[in-house]
Amino acid sequence: MTGRHTDKRSLVDLLSFLFDRLDDDEAAARAQLTPAALRQDATPGGPARAFRELAAKRSMVAMWFDGVQADL
């Protein structure tokens, strides 16, 4: 493996790590879903916001992951 491919593989490993952390964050957010939390959903810190932020982060990481995979 050349240095360039090693760097790409390291980036894939980093992006996989980020996906794992996002999965952890999503599990934690789901664990906090309660009827009271759902009623607070209209507030800026409600559960819907947490899931929107997770989706945005996951989309950004996926975009980088797809680009790195294409280069490999």
N, C-alpha and C. Protein backbone atom coordinates (compact mmCIF):
# COMPACT_ATOMS: atom_id res chain seq x y z
N MET A 1 0.83 -1.17 0.00
CA MET A 1 0.00 0.00 0.00
C MET A 1 0.89 1.24 0.00
N THR A 2 0.60 2.19 -0.86
CA THR A 2 1.39 3.40 -0.90
C THR A 2 0.96 4.33 0.21
N GLY A 3 1.75 5.36 0.43
CA GLY A 3 1.42 6.34 1.46
C GLY A 3 0.07 6.99 1.25
N ARG A 4 -0.25 7.27 -0.01
CA ARG A 4 -1.53 7.90 -0.32
C ARG A 4 -2.70 7.01 0.09
N HIS A 5 -2.60 5.72 -0.23
CA HIS A 5 -3.68 4.80 0.13
C HIS A 5 -3.75 4.60 1.64
N THR A 6 -2.61 4.61 2.31
CA THR A 6 -2.60 4.49 3.76
C THR A 6 -3.32 5.67 4.38
N ASP A 7 -3.08 6.88 3.85
CA ASP A 7 -3.77 8.07 4.36
C ASP A 7 -5.27 7.96 4.13
N LYS A 8 -5.66 7.46 2.96
CA LYS A 8 -7.09 7.30 2.66
C LYS A 8 -7.71 6.27 3.61
N ARG A 9 -6.99 5.18 3.87
CA ARG A 9 -7.50 4.14 4.77
C ARG A 9 -7.67 4.71 6.17
N SER A 10 -6.73 5.55 6.60
CA SER A 10 -6.83 6.19 7.92
C SER A 10 -8.05 7.10 7.97
N LEU A 11 -8.33 7.79 6.87
CA LEU A 11 -9.50 8.66 6.82
C LEU A 11 -10.78 7.83 6.87
N VAL A 12 -10.80 6.70 6.20
CA VAL A 12 -11.97 5.81 6.27
C VAL A 12 -12.17 5.34 7.71
N ASP A 13 -11.08 5.00 8.38
CA ASP A 13 -11.17 4.58 9.79
C ASP A 13 -11.73 5.70 10.65
N LEU A 14 -11.27 6.94 10.42
CA LEU A 14 -11.76 8.08 11.17
C LEU A 14 -13.25 8.30 10.92
N LEU A 15 -13.65 8.23 9.66
CA LEU A 15 -15.06 8.43 9.33
C LEU A 15 -15.92 7.32 9.91
N SER A 16 -15.43 6.10 9.93
CA SER A 16 -16.16 5.00 10.56
C SER A 16 -16.32 5.25 12.06
N PHE A 17 -15.27 5.76 12.67
CA PHE A 17 -15.33 6.13 14.09
C PHE A 17 -16.41 7.19 14.31
N LEU A 18 -16.46 8.20 13.43
CA LEU A 18 -17.47 9.25 13.57
C LEU A 18 -18.88 8.69 13.42
N PHE A 19 -19.07 7.78 12.47
CA PHE A 19 -20.39 7.14 12.33
C PHE A 19 -20.77 6.41 13.62
N ASP A 20 -19.82 5.74 14.23
CA ASP A 20 -20.09 5.03 15.48
C ASP A 20 -20.50 6.01 16.59
N ARG A 21 -19.82 7.16 16.67
CA ARG A 21 -20.17 8.14 17.70
C ARG A 21 -21.57 8.71 17.44
N LEU A 22 -21.90 8.93 16.17
CA LEU A 22 -23.24 9.42 15.85
C LEU A 22 -24.30 8.39 16.22
N ASP A 23 -23.99 7.11 16.02
CA ASP A 23 -24.91 6.05 16.45
C ASP A 23 -25.10 6.09 17.96
N ASP A 24 -24.00 6.32 18.70
CA ASP A 24 -24.09 6.44 20.16
C ASP A 24 -24.96 7.62 20.57
N ASP A 25 -24.75 8.76 19.89
CA ASP A 25 -25.55 9.96 20.19
C ASP A 25 -27.03 9.73 19.90
N GLU A 26 -27.30 9.03 18.81
CA GLU A 26 -28.70 8.75 18.46
C GLU A 26 -29.34 7.82 19.50
N ALA A 27 -28.61 6.82 19.94
CA ALA A 27 -29.13 5.92 20.97
C ALA A 27 -29.42 6.68 22.26
N ALA A 28 -28.53 7.59 22.62
CA ALA A 28 -28.74 8.39 23.84
C ALA A 28 -29.96 9.30 23.69
N ALA A 29 -30.13 9.89 22.51
CA ALA A 29 -31.29 10.75 22.27
C ALA A 29 -32.58 9.94 22.33
N ARG A 30 -32.56 8.75 21.73
CA ARG A 30 -33.77 7.90 21.76
C ARG A 30 -34.11 7.47 23.18
N ALA A 31 -33.09 7.24 23.99
CA ALA A 31 -33.32 6.82 25.37
C ALA A 31 -33.99 7.93 26.19
N GLN A 32 -33.82 9.17 25.77
CA GLN A 32 -34.41 10.29 26.50
C GLN A 32 -35.79 10.68 25.99
N LEU A 33 -36.27 9.97 24.96
CA LEU A 33 -37.61 10.28 24.46
C LEU A 33 -38.64 9.80 25.47
N THR A 34 -39.36 10.74 25.98
CA THR A 34 -40.45 10.46 26.92
C THR A 34 -41.64 11.30 26.47
N PRO A 35 -42.83 10.99 26.97
CA PRO A 35 -43.98 11.84 26.61
C PRO A 35 -43.74 13.31 26.97
N ALA A 36 -43.10 13.57 28.11
CA ALA A 36 -42.84 14.97 28.49
C ALA A 36 -41.86 15.62 27.51
N ALA A 37 -40.84 14.88 27.09
CA ALA A 37 -39.87 15.43 26.14
C ALA A 37 -40.54 15.71 24.80
N LEU A 38 -41.46 14.86 24.40
CA LEU A 38 -42.15 15.08 23.13
C LEU A 38 -43.05 16.32 23.20
N ARG A 39 -43.63 16.58 24.36
CA ARG A 39 -44.45 17.80 24.52
C ARG A 39 -43.58 19.04 24.43
N GLN A 40 -42.32 18.94 24.81
CA GLN A 40 -41.40 20.08 24.75
C GLN A 40 -40.80 20.24 23.37
N ASP A 41 -41.22 19.43 22.44
CA ASP A 41 -40.62 19.43 21.10
C ASP A 41 -40.69 20.79 20.43
N ALA A 42 -41.64 21.61 20.81
CA ALA A 42 -41.76 22.93 20.18
C ALA A 42 -40.66 23.88 20.67
N THR A 43 -39.97 23.53 21.72
CA THR A 43 -38.90 24.38 22.23
C THR A 43 -37.63 24.16 21.41
N PRO A 44 -36.73 25.13 21.44
CA PRO A 44 -35.49 24.99 20.64
C PRO A 44 -34.66 23.77 21.01
N GLY A 45 -34.78 23.27 22.23
CA GLY A 45 -33.97 22.12 22.63
C GLY A 45 -34.71 20.82 22.61
N GLY A 46 -35.84 20.76 21.94
CA GLY A 46 -36.64 19.54 21.92
C GLY A 46 -35.97 18.41 21.17
N PRO A 47 -36.54 17.20 21.30
CA PRO A 47 -35.94 16.03 20.66
C PRO A 47 -35.86 16.13 19.14
N ALA A 48 -36.80 16.79 18.52
CA ALA A 48 -36.75 16.91 17.05
C ALA A 48 -35.48 17.64 16.61
N ARG A 49 -35.08 18.64 17.39
CA ARG A 49 -33.86 19.36 17.05
C ARG A 49 -32.64 18.45 17.15
N ALA A 50 -32.60 17.66 18.20
CA ALA A 50 -31.47 16.74 18.38
C ALA A 50 -31.38 15.78 17.19
N PHE A 51 -32.51 15.26 16.75
CA PHE A 51 -32.50 14.33 15.61
C PHE A 51 -32.17 15.04 14.30
N ARG A 52 -32.60 16.30 14.14
CA ARG A 52 -32.23 17.06 12.94
C ARG A 52 -30.72 17.30 12.91
N GLU A 53 -30.15 17.64 14.06
CA GLU A 53 -28.70 17.86 14.12
C GLU A 53 -27.94 16.57 13.83
N LEU A 54 -28.42 15.46 14.37
CA LEU A 54 -27.78 14.18 14.09
C LEU A 54 -27.84 13.84 12.61
N ALA A 55 -28.99 14.10 12.00
CA ALA A 55 -29.14 13.82 10.56
C ALA A 55 -28.19 14.68 9.74
N ALA A 56 -28.04 15.95 10.12
CA ALA A 56 -27.14 16.85 9.40
C ALA A 56 -25.69 16.37 9.54
N LYS A 57 -25.30 16.01 10.74
CA LYS A 57 -23.93 15.53 10.97
C LYS A 57 -23.68 14.23 10.20
N ARG A 58 -24.66 13.33 10.25
CA ARG A 58 -24.51 12.05 9.56
C ARG A 58 -24.38 12.28 8.04
N SER A 59 -25.13 13.24 7.52
CA SER A 59 -25.07 13.56 6.09
C SER A 59 -23.69 14.08 5.71
N MET A 60 -23.11 14.95 6.54
CA MET A 60 -21.79 15.49 6.26
C MET A 60 -20.72 14.40 6.29
N VAL A 61 -20.79 13.53 7.29
CA VAL A 61 -19.81 12.45 7.39
C VAL A 61 -19.98 11.49 6.21
N ALA A 62 -21.23 11.21 5.84
CA ALA A 62 -21.49 10.32 4.70
C ALA A 62 -20.93 10.89 3.40
N MET A 63 -21.04 12.21 3.24
CA MET A 63 -20.51 12.85 2.04
C MET A 63 -18.99 12.65 1.96
N TRP A 64 -18.29 12.85 3.04
CA TRP A 64 -16.86 12.64 3.07
C TRP A 64 -16.52 11.16 2.85
N PHE A 65 -17.27 10.30 3.49
CA PHE A 65 -17.03 8.87 3.36
C PHE A 65 -17.18 8.42 1.91
N ASP A 66 -18.25 8.88 1.26
CA ASP A 66 -18.47 8.51 -0.14
C ASP A 66 -17.33 9.02 -1.03
N GLY A 67 -16.85 10.23 -0.77
CA GLY A 67 -15.76 10.78 -1.55
C GLY A 67 -14.47 9.99 -1.37
N VAL A 68 -14.18 9.60 -0.14
CA VAL A 68 -12.96 8.83 0.12
C VAL A 68 -13.08 7.44 -0.50
N GLN A 69 -14.24 6.81 -0.38
CA GLN A 69 -14.45 5.48 -0.97
C GLN A 69 -14.27 5.55 -2.48
N ALA A 70 -14.75 6.62 -3.10
CA ALA A 70 -14.62 6.75 -4.55
C ALA A 70 -13.15 6.86 -4.95
N ASP A 71 -12.35 7.52 -4.12
CA ASP A 71 -10.91 7.66 -4.42
C ASP A 71 -10.17 6.35 -4.26
N LEU A 72 -10.66 5.48 -3.41
CA LEU A 72 -10.00 4.19 -3.21
C LEU A 72 -10.33 3.29 -4.38
